[in-house]
Amino acid sequence: MQIEPTVPTTLNSPEQFAGDVWLDPLALPHEDGQHMVVATVRFSPGARTAWHSHEKGQYLRVTAGVGRFGTRDGQIIEVHPGQTLYTPPGQEHWHAAAPGFFMEHIAMVENGDDPATTNTWLEHITDDDYNGTPAA
């Protein structure tokens, strides 16, 4: 057993995020065959990811604020603290803080056999994508 070393908070890349989004890694693979990655991600109000997908899917547990998550078919889901959103493998989507709210979630993803293929990053979402009407 070991206590994990502290990894500094990083500001995510503007190529993949719009607005200020910070990342704190919680768990990273250490051994061959381990694939789990867990991180706390904090979004400033209105901050968002670009469109992307995950080779093996993703779980997002909202821990603070209000999250907004969208898919290519125009569906938007608002997620609140204590709720977990599952995105299936290959589904193109985005995550964001809802307008006027900070949002924090714990992201859980399994790396692909080649970690470089775990996430596929695409174009930035439009304001129309972000401002659509959330499902009730």
N, C-alpha and C. Protein backbone atom coordinates (compact mmCIF):
# COMPACT_ATOMS: atom_id res chain seq x y z
N MET A 1 0.84 -1.18 0.00
CA MET A 1 0.00 0.00 0.00
C MET A 1 0.88 1.24 0.00
N GLN A 2 0.29 2.31 -0.53
CA GLN A 2 1.01 3.58 -0.51
C GLN A 2 0.03 4.73 -0.62
N ILE A 3 0.39 5.84 -0.01
CA ILE A 3 -0.38 7.07 -0.21
C ILE A 3 0.10 7.67 -1.52
N GLU A 4 -0.84 8.01 -2.37
CA GLU A 4 -0.51 8.55 -3.68
C GLU A 4 0.13 9.93 -3.55
N PRO A 5 1.10 10.24 -4.40
CA PRO A 5 1.69 11.58 -4.37
C PRO A 5 0.65 12.62 -4.82
N THR A 6 0.76 13.80 -4.28
CA THR A 6 -0.13 14.89 -4.66
C THR A 6 0.26 15.39 -6.05
N VAL A 7 -0.72 15.50 -6.90
CA VAL A 7 -0.50 16.02 -8.26
C VAL A 7 -1.14 17.40 -8.32
N PRO A 8 -0.43 18.42 -8.76
CA PRO A 8 -1.01 19.78 -8.78
C PRO A 8 -2.22 19.88 -9.70
N THR A 9 -3.15 20.73 -9.32
CA THR A 9 -4.30 21.06 -10.17
C THR A 9 -3.79 21.69 -11.46
N THR A 10 -4.39 21.29 -12.57
CA THR A 10 -4.00 21.88 -13.86
C THR A 10 -5.23 22.50 -14.52
N LEU A 11 -4.98 23.56 -15.27
CA LEU A 11 -6.02 24.18 -16.09
C LEU A 11 -6.05 23.44 -17.42
N ASN A 12 -7.23 22.95 -17.80
CA ASN A 12 -7.33 22.15 -19.02
C ASN A 12 -7.08 22.98 -20.28
N SER A 13 -6.72 22.29 -21.34
CA SER A 13 -6.30 22.87 -22.61
C SER A 13 -7.45 23.59 -23.34
N PRO A 14 -7.20 24.79 -23.87
CA PRO A 14 -8.23 25.49 -24.65
C PRO A 14 -8.55 24.79 -25.97
N GLU A 15 -7.73 23.85 -26.40
CA GLU A 15 -8.07 23.07 -27.60
C GLU A 15 -9.23 22.13 -27.32
N GLN A 16 -9.43 21.74 -26.06
CA GLN A 16 -10.46 20.77 -25.71
C GLN A 16 -11.55 21.34 -24.80
N PHE A 17 -11.33 22.55 -24.27
CA PHE A 17 -12.27 23.16 -23.32
C PHE A 17 -12.44 24.64 -23.63
N ALA A 18 -13.66 25.15 -23.41
CA ALA A 18 -13.92 26.59 -23.52
C ALA A 18 -14.26 27.08 -22.11
N GLY A 19 -13.64 28.17 -21.69
CA GLY A 19 -13.81 28.64 -20.32
C GLY A 19 -12.80 27.94 -19.42
N ASP A 20 -12.85 28.27 -18.14
CA ASP A 20 -11.88 27.70 -17.20
C ASP A 20 -12.38 26.38 -16.63
N VAL A 21 -11.57 25.34 -16.85
CA VAL A 21 -11.89 23.99 -16.36
C VAL A 21 -10.61 23.43 -15.74
N TRP A 22 -10.68 23.05 -14.45
CA TRP A 22 -9.51 22.56 -13.74
C TRP A 22 -9.63 21.06 -13.50
N LEU A 23 -8.48 20.39 -13.48
CA LEU A 23 -8.41 18.94 -13.34
C LEU A 23 -7.50 18.56 -12.17
N ASP A 24 -8.01 17.66 -11.32
CA ASP A 24 -7.23 17.07 -10.23
C ASP A 24 -7.27 15.56 -10.37
N PRO A 25 -6.17 14.92 -10.80
CA PRO A 25 -6.17 13.46 -10.89
C PRO A 25 -6.32 12.83 -9.51
N LEU A 26 -7.14 11.78 -9.42
CA LEU A 26 -7.34 11.05 -8.17
C LEU A 26 -6.72 9.66 -8.24
N ALA A 27 -6.85 9.00 -9.39
CA ALA A 27 -6.31 7.64 -9.54
C ALA A 27 -5.84 7.46 -10.98
N LEU A 28 -4.61 6.98 -11.11
CA LEU A 28 -4.01 6.72 -12.42
C LEU A 28 -3.42 5.33 -12.42
N PRO A 29 -3.34 4.67 -13.57
CA PRO A 29 -2.77 3.32 -13.61
C PRO A 29 -1.31 3.29 -13.15
N HIS A 30 -0.97 2.25 -12.41
CA HIS A 30 0.41 2.03 -11.95
C HIS A 30 1.04 0.78 -12.54
N GLU A 31 0.24 -0.25 -12.74
CA GLU A 31 0.74 -1.56 -13.13
C GLU A 31 0.24 -1.92 -14.53
N ASP A 32 0.94 -2.84 -15.19
CA ASP A 32 0.46 -3.37 -16.46
C ASP A 32 -0.93 -3.96 -16.25
N GLY A 33 -1.81 -3.71 -17.18
CA GLY A 33 -3.16 -4.24 -17.11
C GLY A 33 -4.13 -3.35 -16.35
N GLN A 34 -3.65 -2.32 -15.67
CA GLN A 34 -4.55 -1.38 -15.00
C GLN A 34 -4.96 -0.30 -16.01
N HIS A 35 -6.24 0.06 -15.99
CA HIS A 35 -6.74 1.02 -16.98
C HIS A 35 -7.58 2.14 -16.37
N MET A 36 -7.88 2.09 -15.07
CA MET A 36 -8.78 3.05 -14.44
C MET A 36 -8.12 4.42 -14.27
N VAL A 37 -8.87 5.46 -14.66
CA VAL A 37 -8.46 6.85 -14.43
C VAL A 37 -9.65 7.55 -13.77
N VAL A 38 -9.37 8.24 -12.67
CA VAL A 38 -10.41 8.98 -11.95
C VAL A 38 -9.86 10.38 -11.68
N ALA A 39 -10.70 11.40 -11.91
CA ALA A 39 -10.26 12.78 -11.69
C ALA A 39 -11.44 13.63 -11.24
N THR A 40 -11.14 14.62 -10.42
CA THR A 40 -12.12 15.66 -10.10
C THR A 40 -11.94 16.76 -11.13
N VAL A 41 -13.04 17.19 -11.73
CA VAL A 41 -12.99 18.23 -12.75
C VAL A 41 -13.94 19.35 -12.31
N ARG A 42 -13.43 20.59 -12.33
CA ARG A 42 -14.21 21.75 -11.89
C ARG A 42 -14.37 22.73 -13.04
N PHE A 43 -15.63 23.10 -13.31
CA PHE A 43 -15.98 24.00 -14.41
C PHE A 43 -16.47 25.33 -13.85
N SER A 44 -15.96 26.44 -14.38
CA SER A 44 -16.52 27.75 -14.03
C SER A 44 -17.86 27.89 -14.75
N PRO A 45 -18.74 28.82 -14.33
CA PRO A 45 -20.04 28.96 -14.97
C PRO A 45 -19.91 29.10 -16.50
N GLY A 46 -20.67 28.28 -17.21
CA GLY A 46 -20.67 28.30 -18.67
C GLY A 46 -19.49 27.61 -19.33
N ALA A 47 -18.48 27.18 -18.57
CA ALA A 47 -17.34 26.47 -19.17
C ALA A 47 -17.80 25.12 -19.67
N ARG A 48 -17.12 24.63 -20.71
CA ARG A 48 -17.58 23.39 -21.36
C ARG A 48 -16.45 22.67 -22.07
N THR A 49 -16.68 21.40 -22.31
CA THR A 49 -15.74 20.62 -23.12
C THR A 49 -16.07 20.83 -24.59
N ALA A 50 -15.16 20.41 -25.44
CA ALA A 50 -15.45 20.23 -26.87
C ALA A 50 -16.22 18.91 -27.01
N TRP A 51 -16.77 18.67 -28.18
CA TRP A 51 -17.35 17.36 -28.48
C TRP A 51 -16.25 16.32 -28.31
N HIS A 52 -16.59 15.17 -27.77
CA HIS A 52 -15.62 14.09 -27.61
C HIS A 52 -16.35 12.78 -27.35
N SER A 53 -15.59 11.69 -27.39
CA SER A 53 -16.12 10.37 -27.03
C SER A 53 -15.03 9.61 -26.30
N HIS A 54 -15.44 8.51 -25.66
CA HIS A 54 -14.51 7.67 -24.90
C HIS A 54 -14.63 6.24 -25.43
N GLU A 55 -13.50 5.65 -25.72
CA GLU A 55 -13.46 4.30 -26.30
C GLU A 55 -14.24 3.29 -25.45
N LYS A 56 -14.13 3.39 -24.13
CA LYS A 56 -14.78 2.41 -23.25
C LYS A 56 -15.86 3.03 -22.38
N GLY A 57 -16.36 4.21 -22.76
CA GLY A 57 -17.41 4.86 -22.00
C GLY A 57 -16.86 5.67 -20.84
N GLN A 58 -17.77 6.30 -20.09
CA GLN A 58 -17.37 7.16 -18.98
C GLN A 58 -18.52 7.30 -17.98
N TYR A 59 -18.15 7.40 -16.70
CA TYR A 59 -19.09 7.74 -15.64
C TYR A 59 -18.71 9.12 -15.11
N LEU A 60 -19.71 9.96 -14.85
CA LEU A 60 -19.49 11.28 -14.29
C LEU A 60 -20.42 11.45 -13.10
N ARG A 61 -19.84 11.65 -11.92
CA ARG A 61 -20.62 11.85 -10.69
C ARG A 61 -20.55 13.34 -10.33
N VAL A 62 -21.67 14.04 -10.44
CA VAL A 62 -21.70 15.46 -10.10
C VAL A 62 -21.67 15.57 -8.58
N THR A 63 -20.71 16.38 -8.09
CA THR A 63 -20.54 16.55 -6.64
C THR A 63 -20.90 17.96 -6.17
N ALA A 64 -20.98 18.92 -7.08
CA ALA A 64 -21.35 20.29 -6.71
C ALA A 64 -21.87 21.02 -7.94
N GLY A 65 -22.79 21.95 -7.71
CA GLY A 65 -23.29 22.79 -8.79
C GLY A 65 -24.28 22.06 -9.68
N VAL A 66 -24.40 22.55 -10.90
CA VAL A 66 -25.33 21.98 -11.88
C VAL A 66 -24.56 21.70 -13.16
N GLY A 67 -24.59 20.44 -13.60
CA GLY A 67 -23.93 20.05 -14.83
C GLY A 67 -24.91 19.99 -15.97
N ARG A 68 -24.40 20.23 -17.15
CA ARG A 68 -25.20 20.17 -18.38
C ARG A 68 -24.43 19.27 -19.34
N PHE A 69 -25.10 18.25 -19.88
CA PHE A 69 -24.46 17.26 -20.72
C PHE A 69 -25.28 17.10 -21.99
N GLY A 70 -24.62 17.13 -23.15
CA GLY A 70 -25.35 17.08 -24.41
C GLY A 70 -24.84 16.02 -25.36
N THR A 71 -25.73 15.57 -26.25
CA THR A 71 -25.40 14.57 -27.27
C THR A 71 -25.70 15.12 -28.66
N ARG A 72 -25.20 14.44 -29.68
CA ARG A 72 -25.35 14.90 -31.07
C ARG A 72 -26.80 15.02 -31.52
N ASP A 73 -27.71 14.27 -30.90
CA ASP A 73 -29.12 14.35 -31.30
C ASP A 73 -29.83 15.56 -30.68
N GLY A 74 -29.07 16.41 -29.96
CA GLY A 74 -29.63 17.61 -29.37
C GLY A 74 -30.14 17.43 -27.95
N GLN A 75 -30.06 16.21 -27.43
CA GLN A 75 -30.50 15.98 -26.05
C GLN A 75 -29.55 16.69 -25.08
N ILE A 76 -30.12 17.39 -24.10
CA ILE A 76 -29.34 18.00 -23.02
C ILE A 76 -29.94 17.52 -21.71
N ILE A 77 -29.07 17.05 -20.82
CA ILE A 77 -29.51 16.57 -19.51
C ILE A 77 -28.83 17.43 -18.46
N GLU A 78 -29.61 17.96 -17.51
CA GLU A 78 -29.03 18.65 -16.36
C GLU A 78 -28.88 17.63 -15.24
N VAL A 79 -27.69 17.63 -14.62
CA VAL A 79 -27.37 16.66 -13.58
C VAL A 79 -26.97 17.44 -12.32
N HIS A 80 -27.46 16.97 -11.19
CA HIS A 80 -27.28 17.66 -9.92
C HIS A 80 -26.42 16.83 -8.96
N PRO A 81 -25.92 17.45 -7.89
CA PRO A 81 -25.07 16.72 -6.95
C PRO A 81 -25.73 15.41 -6.48
N GLY A 82 -24.91 14.37 -6.47
CA GLY A 82 -25.38 13.05 -6.06
C GLY A 82 -25.85 12.19 -7.21
N GLN A 83 -25.97 12.76 -8.41
CA GLN A 83 -26.39 11.98 -9.58
C GLN A 83 -25.16 11.59 -10.40
N THR A 84 -25.24 10.40 -11.01
CA THR A 84 -24.16 9.89 -11.85
C THR A 84 -24.69 9.71 -13.27
N LEU A 85 -23.96 10.24 -14.23
CA LEU A 85 -24.30 10.12 -15.64
C LEU A 85 -23.37 9.11 -16.28
N TYR A 86 -23.92 8.19 -17.07
CA TYR A 86 -23.11 7.22 -17.81
C TYR A 86 -23.19 7.56 -19.29
N THR A 87 -22.04 7.62 -19.94
CA THR A 87 -21.95 7.82 -21.39
C THR A 87 -21.39 6.55 -21.99
N PRO A 88 -22.10 5.89 -22.90
CA PRO A 88 -21.62 4.62 -23.46
C PRO A 88 -20.41 4.79 -24.38
N PRO A 89 -19.68 3.71 -24.63
CA PRO A 89 -18.52 3.77 -25.51
C PRO A 89 -18.87 4.38 -26.87
N GLY A 90 -18.01 5.32 -27.30
CA GLY A 90 -18.14 5.91 -28.63
C GLY A 90 -19.19 6.99 -28.79
N GLN A 91 -20.03 7.25 -27.77
CA GLN A 91 -21.07 8.28 -27.92
C GLN A 91 -20.43 9.67 -27.86
N GLU A 92 -20.64 10.45 -28.91
CA GLU A 92 -20.12 11.82 -28.93
C GLU A 92 -21.00 12.69 -28.03
N HIS A 93 -20.35 13.47 -27.17
CA HIS A 93 -21.06 14.25 -26.16
C HIS A 93 -20.19 15.41 -25.70
N TRP A 94 -20.76 16.25 -24.84
CA TRP A 94 -20.02 17.32 -24.18
C TRP A 94 -20.52 17.43 -22.75
N HIS A 95 -19.70 18.05 -21.88
CA HIS A 95 -20.11 18.36 -20.51
C HIS A 95 -19.83 19.84 -20.27
N ALA A 96 -20.61 20.42 -19.35
CA ALA A 96 -20.46 21.85 -19.07
C ALA A 96 -21.07 22.17 -17.71
N ALA A 97 -20.71 23.34 -17.20
CA ALA A 97 -21.43 23.92 -16.07
C ALA A 97 -22.64 24.64 -16.65
N ALA A 98 -23.77 24.50 -15.99
CA ALA A 98 -24.98 25.20 -16.45
C ALA A 98 -24.77 26.72 -16.34
N PRO A 99 -25.51 27.49 -17.11
CA PRO A 99 -25.36 28.95 -17.04
C PRO A 99 -25.55 29.44 -15.60
N GLY A 100 -24.61 30.26 -15.13
CA GLY A 100 -24.71 30.86 -13.82
C GLY A 100 -24.28 29.97 -12.66
N PHE A 101 -23.79 28.77 -12.94
CA PHE A 101 -23.40 27.83 -11.89
C PHE A 101 -21.99 27.31 -12.11
N PHE A 102 -21.25 27.13 -11.03
CA PHE A 102 -20.05 26.30 -11.10
C PHE A 102 -20.53 24.85 -11.13
N MET A 103 -19.67 23.94 -11.58
CA MET A 103 -20.01 22.53 -11.55
C MET A 103 -18.74 21.74 -11.30
N GLU A 104 -18.85 20.73 -10.45
CA GLU A 104 -17.74 19.82 -10.20
C GLU A 104 -18.25 18.40 -10.38
N HIS A 105 -17.45 17.59 -11.08
CA HIS A 105 -17.79 16.17 -11.17
C HIS A 105 -16.54 15.33 -11.01
N ILE A 106 -16.77 14.09 -10.64
CA ILE A 106 -15.71 13.09 -10.62
C ILE A 106 -15.86 12.30 -11.91
N ALA A 107 -14.83 12.33 -12.74
CA ALA A 107 -14.84 11.60 -14.01
C ALA A 107 -14.14 10.27 -13.82
N MET A 108 -14.78 9.20 -14.28
CA MET A 108 -14.23 7.85 -14.20
C MET A 108 -14.22 7.25 -15.59
N VAL A 109 -13.04 6.90 -16.06
CA VAL A 109 -12.91 6.36 -17.40
C VAL A 109 -11.89 5.23 -17.38
N GLU A 110 -12.09 4.26 -18.24
CA GLU A 110 -11.12 3.17 -18.39
C GLU A 110 -10.30 3.45 -19.64
N ASN A 111 -8.99 3.54 -19.48
CA ASN A 111 -8.12 3.74 -20.64
C ASN A 111 -8.31 2.60 -21.63
N GLY A 112 -8.11 2.93 -22.91
CA GLY A 112 -8.07 1.88 -23.93
C GLY A 112 -6.76 1.12 -23.82
N ASP A 113 -6.63 0.04 -24.56
CA ASP A 113 -5.37 -0.71 -24.55
C ASP A 113 -4.21 0.19 -24.97
N ASP A 114 -4.50 1.13 -25.86
CA ASP A 114 -3.56 2.20 -26.20
C ASP A 114 -4.14 3.47 -25.59
N PRO A 115 -3.56 4.00 -24.50
CA PRO A 115 -4.13 5.17 -23.84
C PRO A 115 -4.38 6.35 -24.78
N ALA A 116 -3.65 6.42 -25.88
CA ALA A 116 -3.85 7.52 -26.83
C ALA A 116 -5.22 7.45 -27.50
N THR A 117 -5.88 6.28 -27.47
CA THR A 117 -7.19 6.14 -28.11
C THR A 117 -8.34 6.20 -27.11
N THR A 118 -8.04 6.46 -25.84
CA THR A 118 -9.06 6.48 -24.80
C THR A 118 -10.12 7.53 -25.08
N ASN A 119 -9.69 8.75 -25.44
CA ASN A 119 -10.58 9.87 -25.72
C ASN A 119 -10.36 10.33 -27.15
N THR A 120 -11.45 10.59 -27.85
CA THR A 120 -11.37 11.18 -29.18
C THR A 120 -11.95 12.58 -29.08
N TRP A 121 -11.09 13.60 -29.26
CA TRP A 121 -11.51 15.00 -29.15
C TRP A 121 -11.88 15.53 -30.53
N LEU A 122 -12.98 16.28 -30.58
CA LEU A 122 -13.53 16.81 -31.82
C LEU A 122 -13.65 18.33 -31.71
N GLU A 123 -14.53 18.92 -32.50
CA GLU A 123 -14.66 20.38 -32.56
C GLU A 123 -15.34 20.92 -31.29
N HIS A 124 -15.18 22.21 -31.07
CA HIS A 124 -15.86 22.87 -29.95
C HIS A 124 -17.35 22.91 -30.21
N ILE A 125 -18.13 22.86 -29.14
CA ILE A 125 -19.58 22.96 -29.28
C ILE A 125 -19.94 24.42 -29.59
N THR A 126 -21.09 24.61 -30.20
CA THR A 126 -21.56 25.95 -30.51
C THR A 126 -22.40 26.48 -29.34
N ASP A 127 -22.66 27.77 -29.34
CA ASP A 127 -23.55 28.33 -28.34
C ASP A 127 -24.94 27.73 -28.46
N ASP A 128 -25.39 27.42 -29.68
CA ASP A 128 -26.70 26.78 -29.86
C ASP A 128 -26.72 25.40 -29.22
N ASP A 129 -25.62 24.62 -29.37
CA ASP A 129 -25.53 23.32 -28.71
C ASP A 129 -25.71 23.49 -27.20
N TYR A 130 -24.95 24.43 -26.64
CA TYR A 130 -24.93 24.65 -25.20
C TYR A 130 -26.25 25.20 -24.67
N ASN A 131 -26.87 26.11 -25.42
CA ASN A 131 -28.07 26.79 -24.95
C ASN A 131 -29.37 26.08 -25.26
N GLY A 132 -29.30 24.86 -25.81
CA GLY A 132 -30.52 24.11 -26.07
C GLY A 132 -31.33 23.92 -24.81
N THR A 133 -32.50 23.34 -24.94
CA THR A 133 -33.39 23.17 -23.80
C THR A 133 -33.14 21.82 -23.13
N PRO A 134 -32.78 21.83 -21.84
CA PRO A 134 -32.55 20.55 -21.14
C PRO A 134 -33.83 19.74 -21.04
N ALA A 135 -33.68 18.42 -21.03
CA ALA A 135 -34.83 17.53 -20.81
C ALA A 135 -35.32 17.70 -19.39
N ALA A 136 -36.60 17.55 -19.21
CA ALA A 136 -37.19 17.71 -17.85
C ALA A 136 -36.88 16.52 -16.98
